[in-house]
């Protein structure tokens, strides 16, 4: 932030343009770490060290280990659902293959609630064609 020379006061302005805080020299000591636990250092602002990095106080980066663990559990669940879809399609009648809606119903019987759109996405990830194309091929 740059301060400017005030012709009226014949002195340097105490505030930079558009900023409410006095311009101060940043201390030489090390910056404290962000309180969210991300391990990054905070910045100097308004005459003191910030306690959080911008937006970290919202908790998005809190408990990084838990978030990583949740992502791994979610990925494991997705892989399990994809395996179930693959098994269902392998055992289907070639003349009348299952639609995504049929697969949703079968998963609901097993206690898994997913939408047709999600099932379609999982099916496409494991390179299984739609029921109309499977019916034509078999």
N, C-alpha and C. Protein backbone atom coordinates (compact mmCIF):
# COMPACT_ATOMS: atom_id res chain seq x y z
N UNK A 1 0.83 -1.17 0.00
CA UNK A 1 0.00 0.00 0.00
C UNK A 1 0.88 1.24 0.00
N UNK A 2 0.58 2.15 -0.85
CA UNK A 2 1.36 3.37 -0.97
C UNK A 2 0.64 4.52 -0.28
N UNK A 3 1.43 5.28 0.49
CA UNK A 3 0.89 6.51 1.05
C UNK A 3 1.32 7.66 0.16
N UNK A 4 0.57 8.72 0.20
CA UNK A 4 0.87 9.87 -0.65
C UNK A 4 1.21 11.09 0.19
N UNK A 5 1.84 12.06 -0.46
CA UNK A 5 2.19 13.31 0.20
C UNK A 5 0.99 14.24 0.16
N UNK A 6 0.62 14.78 1.29
CA UNK A 6 -0.50 15.70 1.38
C UNK A 6 0.02 17.13 1.24
N UNK A 7 -0.42 17.80 0.18
CA UNK A 7 0.01 19.18 -0.03
C UNK A 7 -0.61 20.11 1.02
N UNK A 8 -1.83 19.79 1.43
CA UNK A 8 -2.52 20.62 2.42
C UNK A 8 -1.82 20.58 3.77
N UNK A 9 -1.50 19.36 4.23
CA UNK A 9 -0.88 19.20 5.55
C UNK A 9 0.64 19.30 5.51
N UNK A 10 1.20 19.26 4.31
CA UNK A 10 2.65 19.25 4.12
C UNK A 10 3.30 18.13 4.93
N UNK A 11 2.68 16.93 4.81
CA UNK A 11 3.15 15.74 5.53
C UNK A 11 2.64 14.51 4.78
N UNK A 12 3.21 13.37 5.15
CA UNK A 12 2.72 12.12 4.56
C UNK A 12 1.36 11.78 5.14
N UNK A 13 0.46 11.26 4.30
CA UNK A 13 -0.85 10.80 4.78
C UNK A 13 -0.68 9.61 5.70
N UNK A 14 -1.50 9.55 6.73
CA UNK A 14 -1.43 8.44 7.67
C UNK A 14 -2.16 7.20 7.16
N UNK A 15 -3.05 7.41 6.21
CA UNK A 15 -3.84 6.30 5.66
C UNK A 15 -3.58 6.20 4.17
N UNK A 16 -3.52 4.97 3.67
CA UNK A 16 -3.40 4.83 2.21
C UNK A 16 -4.78 5.04 1.61
N UNK A 17 -4.83 5.35 0.36
CA UNK A 17 -6.09 5.66 -0.31
C UNK A 17 -7.03 4.47 -0.24
N UNK A 18 -8.25 4.70 0.25
CA UNK A 18 -9.26 3.65 0.34
C UNK A 18 -9.06 2.68 1.49
N UNK A 19 -8.16 2.97 2.41
CA UNK A 19 -7.89 2.06 3.51
C UNK A 19 -8.08 2.80 4.82
N UNK A 20 -8.69 2.14 5.81
CA UNK A 20 -9.01 2.79 7.08
C UNK A 20 -7.90 2.70 8.10
N UNK A 21 -6.95 1.82 7.87
CA UNK A 21 -5.93 1.57 8.88
C UNK A 21 -4.68 2.41 8.62
N UNK A 22 -4.00 2.77 9.68
CA UNK A 22 -2.75 3.51 9.54
C UNK A 22 -1.71 2.58 8.93
N UNK A 23 -0.85 3.15 8.13
CA UNK A 23 0.23 2.38 7.54
C UNK A 23 1.31 2.23 8.61
N UNK A 24 1.67 0.98 8.87
CA UNK A 24 2.69 0.73 9.87
C UNK A 24 3.73 -0.21 9.28
N UNK A 25 4.86 -0.19 9.87
CA UNK A 25 5.92 -1.10 9.43
C UNK A 25 5.61 -2.48 9.99
N UNK A 26 5.71 -3.47 9.13
CA UNK A 26 5.44 -4.85 9.56
C UNK A 26 6.58 -5.32 10.44
N UNK A 27 6.26 -5.92 11.59
CA UNK A 27 7.31 -6.40 12.48
C UNK A 27 8.15 -7.50 11.80
N UNK A 28 9.40 -7.60 12.24
CA UNK A 28 10.32 -8.57 11.65
C UNK A 28 10.10 -10.00 12.15
N UNK A 29 9.38 -10.14 13.27
CA UNK A 29 9.21 -11.49 13.81
C UNK A 29 8.33 -12.34 12.90
N UNK A 30 8.40 -13.63 13.10
CA UNK A 30 7.66 -14.56 12.25
C UNK A 30 6.16 -14.40 12.40
N UNK A 31 5.47 -14.56 11.29
CA UNK A 31 4.01 -14.48 11.30
C UNK A 31 3.44 -15.72 11.97
N UNK A 32 2.35 -15.57 12.73
CA UNK A 32 1.73 -16.74 13.35
C UNK A 32 1.04 -17.61 12.30
N UNK A 33 0.82 -18.87 12.67
CA UNK A 33 0.13 -19.80 11.77
C UNK A 33 -1.37 -19.55 11.81
N UNK A 34 -2.03 -19.88 10.70
CA UNK A 34 -3.48 -19.74 10.60
C UNK A 34 -4.14 -20.65 11.63
N UNK A 35 -5.18 -20.16 12.30
CA UNK A 35 -5.83 -20.93 13.36
C UNK A 35 -6.69 -22.08 12.86
N UNK A 36 -6.92 -22.17 11.53
CA UNK A 36 -7.75 -23.26 11.01
C UNK A 36 -6.99 -24.58 11.02
N UNK A 37 -5.66 -24.52 11.14
CA UNK A 37 -4.88 -25.74 11.16
C UNK A 37 -4.28 -26.11 9.82
N UNK A 38 -4.33 -25.21 8.83
CA UNK A 38 -3.82 -25.53 7.50
C UNK A 38 -2.29 -25.50 7.46
N UNK A 39 -1.65 -24.84 8.45
CA UNK A 39 -0.20 -24.80 8.52
C UNK A 39 0.43 -23.63 7.80
N UNK A 40 -0.35 -22.77 7.15
CA UNK A 40 0.18 -21.61 6.45
C UNK A 40 0.25 -20.41 7.39
N UNK A 41 1.16 -19.48 7.06
CA UNK A 41 1.30 -18.30 7.91
C UNK A 41 0.31 -17.23 7.49
N UNK A 42 -0.09 -16.41 8.46
CA UNK A 42 -1.06 -15.34 8.20
C UNK A 42 -0.35 -14.10 7.69
N UNK A 43 -1.14 -13.10 7.35
CA UNK A 43 -0.60 -11.85 6.82
C UNK A 43 -0.80 -10.72 7.82
N UNK A 44 -0.04 -9.64 7.62
CA UNK A 44 -0.13 -8.46 8.44
C UNK A 44 -1.25 -7.59 7.89
N UNK A 45 -2.15 -7.11 8.75
CA UNK A 45 -3.22 -6.24 8.28
C UNK A 45 -3.78 -5.40 9.39
N UNK A 46 -4.01 -4.13 9.13
CA UNK A 46 -4.61 -3.19 10.07
C UNK A 46 -3.86 -3.13 11.41
N UNK A 47 -2.56 -3.14 11.35
CA UNK A 47 -1.76 -2.97 12.56
C UNK A 47 -1.59 -4.20 13.42
N UNK A 48 -1.95 -5.35 12.92
CA UNK A 48 -1.78 -6.59 13.69
C UNK A 48 -1.72 -7.78 12.73
N UNK A 49 -1.29 -8.91 13.29
CA UNK A 49 -1.28 -10.13 12.50
C UNK A 49 -2.70 -10.68 12.42
N UNK A 50 -3.12 -11.10 11.23
CA UNK A 50 -4.42 -11.74 11.09
C UNK A 50 -4.39 -13.11 11.76
N UNK A 51 -5.52 -13.55 12.27
CA UNK A 51 -5.56 -14.87 12.90
C UNK A 51 -5.85 -15.98 11.89
N UNK A 52 -6.51 -15.62 10.79
CA UNK A 52 -6.82 -16.59 9.74
C UNK A 52 -6.37 -16.06 8.39
N UNK A 53 -6.11 -16.96 7.48
CA UNK A 53 -5.93 -16.58 6.08
C UNK A 53 -7.32 -16.31 5.53
N UNK A 54 -7.40 -15.47 4.52
CA UNK A 54 -8.69 -15.07 3.97
C UNK A 54 -9.58 -16.29 3.72
N UNK A 55 -10.81 -16.26 4.23
CA UNK A 55 -11.85 -17.27 4.11
C UNK A 55 -11.62 -18.53 4.95
N UNK A 56 -10.48 -18.66 5.61
CA UNK A 56 -10.25 -19.85 6.42
C UNK A 56 -11.11 -19.85 7.68
N UNK A 57 -11.53 -18.67 8.14
CA UNK A 57 -12.36 -18.59 9.34
C UNK A 57 -13.74 -19.20 9.11
N UNK A 58 -14.09 -19.46 7.84
CA UNK A 58 -15.39 -20.06 7.55
C UNK A 58 -15.40 -21.56 7.82
N UNK A 59 -14.24 -22.12 8.12
CA UNK A 59 -14.17 -23.53 8.46
C UNK A 59 -13.98 -24.46 7.28
N UNK A 60 -13.76 -23.92 6.09
CA UNK A 60 -13.61 -24.77 4.92
C UNK A 60 -12.35 -25.62 5.00
N UNK A 61 -11.33 -25.10 5.68
CA UNK A 61 -10.06 -25.80 5.73
C UNK A 61 -9.80 -26.40 7.10
N UNK A 62 -10.80 -26.38 7.95
CA UNK A 62 -10.66 -26.91 9.29
C UNK A 62 -10.65 -28.44 9.22
N UNK A 63 -9.85 -29.03 10.02
CA UNK A 63 -9.78 -30.49 10.11
C UNK A 63 -9.52 -31.13 8.74
N UNK A 64 -8.38 -30.81 8.16
CA UNK A 64 -8.05 -31.32 6.83
C UNK A 64 -8.01 -32.84 6.81
N UNK A 65 -7.56 -33.45 7.90
CA UNK A 65 -7.49 -34.91 7.95
C UNK A 65 -8.88 -35.51 7.86
N UNK A 66 -9.86 -34.92 8.54
CA UNK A 66 -11.23 -35.43 8.49
C UNK A 66 -11.80 -35.30 7.09
N UNK A 67 -11.53 -34.16 6.42
CA UNK A 67 -12.03 -33.97 5.06
C UNK A 67 -11.43 -34.99 4.11
N UNK A 68 -10.13 -35.26 4.26
CA UNK A 68 -9.47 -36.25 3.42
C UNK A 68 -10.07 -37.63 3.67
N UNK A 69 -10.30 -37.94 4.93
CA UNK A 69 -10.90 -39.23 5.29
C UNK A 69 -12.31 -39.36 4.70
N UNK A 70 -13.08 -38.28 4.77
CA UNK A 70 -14.43 -38.30 4.19
C UNK A 70 -14.39 -38.54 2.70
N UNK A 71 -13.44 -37.88 2.02
CA UNK A 71 -13.31 -38.08 0.57
C UNK A 71 -12.96 -39.52 0.24
N UNK A 72 -12.08 -40.13 1.04
CA UNK A 72 -11.70 -41.52 0.80
C UNK A 72 -12.89 -42.46 1.02
N UNK A 73 -13.67 -42.20 2.07
CA UNK A 73 -14.86 -43.02 2.33
C UNK A 73 -15.86 -42.86 1.20
N UNK A 74 -16.05 -41.62 0.74
CA UNK A 74 -16.99 -41.37 -0.36
C UNK A 74 -16.53 -42.09 -1.62
N UNK A 75 -15.23 -42.03 -1.93
CA UNK A 75 -14.70 -42.70 -3.13
C UNK A 75 -14.86 -44.21 -3.01
N UNK A 76 -14.64 -44.74 -1.80
CA UNK A 76 -14.81 -46.18 -1.59
C UNK A 76 -16.26 -46.56 -1.82
N UNK A 77 -17.20 -45.75 -1.34
CA UNK A 77 -18.62 -46.01 -1.54
C UNK A 77 -18.97 -45.99 -3.03
N UNK A 78 -18.43 -45.03 -3.75
CA UNK A 78 -18.69 -44.93 -5.19
C UNK A 78 -18.18 -46.18 -5.90
N UNK A 79 -16.99 -46.62 -5.53
CA UNK A 79 -16.44 -47.84 -6.15
C UNK A 79 -17.31 -49.06 -5.85
N UNK A 80 -17.83 -49.13 -4.62
CA UNK A 80 -18.72 -50.25 -4.27
C UNK A 80 -20.01 -50.21 -5.09
N UNK A 81 -20.58 -49.01 -5.26
CA UNK A 81 -21.81 -48.89 -6.05
C UNK A 81 -21.54 -49.24 -7.50
N UNK A 82 -20.40 -48.80 -8.03
CA UNK A 82 -20.05 -49.15 -9.41
C UNK A 82 -19.90 -50.66 -9.57
N UNK A 83 -19.35 -51.31 -8.56
CA UNK A 83 -19.21 -52.78 -8.61
C UNK A 83 -20.59 -53.45 -8.60
N UNK A 84 -21.50 -52.94 -7.79
CA UNK A 84 -22.87 -53.48 -7.75
C UNK A 84 -23.53 -53.30 -9.11
N UNK A 85 -23.39 -52.12 -9.71
CA UNK A 85 -23.99 -51.86 -11.03
C UNK A 85 -23.41 -52.82 -12.06
N UNK A 86 -22.11 -53.02 -12.01
CA UNK A 86 -21.46 -53.94 -12.95
C UNK A 86 -21.99 -55.36 -12.79
N UNK A 87 -22.14 -55.81 -11.55
CA UNK A 87 -22.66 -57.17 -11.30
C UNK A 87 -24.10 -57.31 -11.77
N UNK A 88 -24.92 -56.28 -11.53
CA UNK A 88 -26.32 -56.32 -11.96
C UNK A 88 -26.41 -56.41 -13.48
N UNK A 89 -25.61 -55.61 -14.16
CA UNK A 89 -25.66 -55.60 -15.62
C UNK A 89 -25.09 -56.89 -16.21
N UNK A 90 -24.10 -57.49 -15.56
CA UNK A 90 -23.56 -58.77 -16.03
C UNK A 90 -24.60 -59.88 -15.96
N UNK A 91 -25.50 -59.82 -14.97
CA UNK A 91 -26.49 -60.87 -14.76
C UNK A 91 -27.82 -60.60 -15.44
N UNK A 92 -27.95 -59.47 -16.15
CA UNK A 92 -29.24 -59.11 -16.75
C UNK A 92 -29.59 -59.98 -17.97
N UNK A 93 -30.87 -59.98 -18.30
CA UNK A 93 -31.35 -60.67 -19.48
C UNK A 93 -30.91 -59.87 -20.71
N UNK A 94 -30.18 -60.49 -21.65
CA UNK A 94 -29.69 -59.75 -22.81
C UNK A 94 -30.80 -59.16 -23.68
N UNK A 95 -31.96 -59.80 -23.69
CA UNK A 95 -33.06 -59.32 -24.52
C UNK A 95 -33.79 -58.14 -23.87
N UNK A 96 -33.71 -58.06 -22.53
CA UNK A 96 -34.36 -56.97 -21.82
C UNK A 96 -33.43 -56.44 -20.73
N UNK A 97 -32.46 -55.61 -21.14
CA UNK A 97 -31.50 -55.09 -20.15
C UNK A 97 -32.16 -54.09 -19.19
N UNK A 98 -31.49 -53.88 -18.06
CA UNK A 98 -31.99 -52.97 -17.04
C UNK A 98 -31.79 -51.51 -17.47
N UNK A 99 -32.78 -50.68 -17.21
CA UNK A 99 -32.63 -49.24 -17.38
C UNK A 99 -31.98 -48.68 -16.13
N UNK A 100 -31.57 -47.42 -16.19
CA UNK A 100 -31.00 -46.77 -15.01
C UNK A 100 -32.04 -46.69 -13.89
N UNK A 101 -33.31 -46.53 -14.27
CA UNK A 101 -34.38 -46.49 -13.28
C UNK A 101 -34.52 -47.85 -12.57
N UNK A 102 -34.37 -48.94 -13.33
CA UNK A 102 -34.42 -50.27 -12.73
C UNK A 102 -33.26 -50.46 -11.74
N UNK A 103 -32.10 -49.95 -12.11
CA UNK A 103 -30.92 -50.08 -11.23
C UNK A 103 -31.12 -49.26 -9.96
N UNK A 104 -31.76 -48.10 -10.10
CA UNK A 104 -32.07 -47.27 -8.91
C UNK A 104 -32.95 -48.05 -7.96
N UNK A 105 -33.97 -48.72 -8.50
CA UNK A 105 -34.88 -49.51 -7.64
C UNK A 105 -34.14 -50.65 -6.96
N UNK A 106 -33.26 -51.35 -7.69
CA UNK A 106 -32.49 -52.44 -7.08
C UNK A 106 -31.58 -51.93 -5.97
N UNK A 107 -30.98 -50.76 -6.19
CA UNK A 107 -30.11 -50.19 -5.15
C UNK A 107 -30.92 -49.75 -3.94
N UNK A 108 -32.13 -49.24 -4.18
CA UNK A 108 -32.98 -48.82 -3.05
C UNK A 108 -33.35 -50.02 -2.18
N UNK A 109 -33.51 -51.18 -2.80
CA UNK A 109 -33.80 -52.40 -2.04
C UNK A 109 -32.62 -52.75 -1.13
N UNK A 110 -31.41 -52.37 -1.55
CA UNK A 110 -30.22 -52.63 -0.74
C UNK A 110 -29.91 -51.48 0.21
N UNK A 111 -30.77 -50.45 0.22
CA UNK A 111 -30.61 -49.33 1.14
C UNK A 111 -29.73 -48.20 0.62
N UNK A 112 -29.47 -48.20 -0.68
CA UNK A 112 -28.64 -47.15 -1.28
C UNK A 112 -29.55 -46.23 -2.08
N UNK A 113 -29.60 -44.95 -1.69
CA UNK A 113 -30.46 -43.99 -2.39
C UNK A 113 -29.62 -43.13 -3.33
N UNK A 114 -29.79 -43.33 -4.60
CA UNK A 114 -29.12 -42.54 -5.63
C UNK A 114 -30.12 -42.22 -6.73
N UNK A 115 -29.87 -41.12 -7.45
CA UNK A 115 -30.77 -40.73 -8.53
C UNK A 115 -30.35 -41.42 -9.83
N UNK A 116 -31.25 -41.36 -10.82
CA UNK A 116 -30.93 -41.96 -12.12
C UNK A 116 -29.72 -41.28 -12.74
N UNK A 117 -29.65 -39.99 -12.56
CA UNK A 117 -28.53 -39.24 -13.12
C UNK A 117 -27.20 -39.69 -12.52
N UNK A 118 -27.20 -39.93 -11.23
CA UNK A 118 -25.98 -40.41 -10.56
C UNK A 118 -25.62 -41.81 -11.06
N UNK A 119 -26.63 -42.66 -11.19
CA UNK A 119 -26.39 -44.01 -11.69
C UNK A 119 -25.84 -43.96 -13.11
N UNK A 120 -26.39 -43.07 -13.93
CA UNK A 120 -25.89 -42.92 -15.30
C UNK A 120 -24.42 -42.50 -15.29
N UNK A 121 -24.07 -41.59 -14.40
CA UNK A 121 -22.69 -41.13 -14.29
C UNK A 121 -21.77 -42.27 -13.88
N UNK A 122 -22.18 -43.05 -12.87
CA UNK A 122 -21.37 -44.19 -12.42
C UNK A 122 -21.24 -45.22 -13.54
N UNK A 123 -22.34 -45.47 -14.25
CA UNK A 123 -22.33 -46.45 -15.34
C UNK A 123 -21.36 -46.02 -16.45
N UNK A 124 -21.39 -44.73 -16.78
CA UNK A 124 -20.49 -44.22 -17.81
C UNK A 124 -19.04 -44.26 -17.37
N UNK A 125 -18.78 -44.08 -16.06
CA UNK A 125 -17.41 -44.15 -15.54
C UNK A 125 -16.81 -45.54 -15.70
N UNK A 126 -17.64 -46.57 -15.62
CA UNK A 126 -17.12 -47.94 -15.77
C UNK A 126 -17.34 -48.46 -17.19
N UNK A 127 -17.59 -47.53 -18.14
CA UNK A 127 -17.69 -47.83 -19.57
C UNK A 127 -18.77 -48.85 -19.91
N UNK A 128 -19.94 -48.68 -19.32
CA UNK A 128 -21.09 -49.52 -19.67
C UNK A 128 -22.08 -48.64 -20.42
N UNK A 129 -22.52 -49.13 -21.57
CA UNK A 129 -23.42 -48.34 -22.41
C UNK A 129 -24.83 -48.32 -21.84
N UNK A 130 -25.67 -47.45 -22.42
CA UNK A 130 -27.06 -47.36 -21.99
C UNK A 130 -27.80 -48.64 -22.35
N UNK A 131 -28.99 -48.82 -21.75
CA UNK A 131 -29.72 -50.07 -21.96
C UNK A 131 -30.13 -50.25 -23.42
N UNK A 132 -30.44 -49.19 -24.15
CA UNK A 132 -30.82 -49.32 -25.55
C UNK A 132 -29.66 -49.84 -26.39
N UNK A 133 -28.47 -49.36 -26.15
CA UNK A 133 -27.31 -49.84 -26.89
C UNK A 133 -26.91 -51.26 -26.48
N UNK A 134 -27.08 -51.58 -25.20
CA UNK A 134 -26.80 -52.95 -24.76
C UNK A 134 -27.78 -53.92 -25.37
N UNK A 135 -29.03 -53.51 -25.52
CA UNK A 135 -30.05 -54.37 -26.10
C UNK A 135 -29.73 -54.64 -27.57
N UNK A 136 -29.26 -53.64 -28.29
CA UNK A 136 -28.92 -53.80 -29.71
C UNK A 136 -27.69 -54.67 -29.90
N UNK A 137 -26.74 -54.58 -29.00
CA UNK A 137 -25.50 -55.35 -29.13
C UNK A 137 -25.74 -56.83 -28.84
N UNK A 138 -26.52 -57.13 -27.81
CA UNK A 138 -26.72 -58.53 -27.41
C UNK A 138 -27.79 -59.10 -28.22
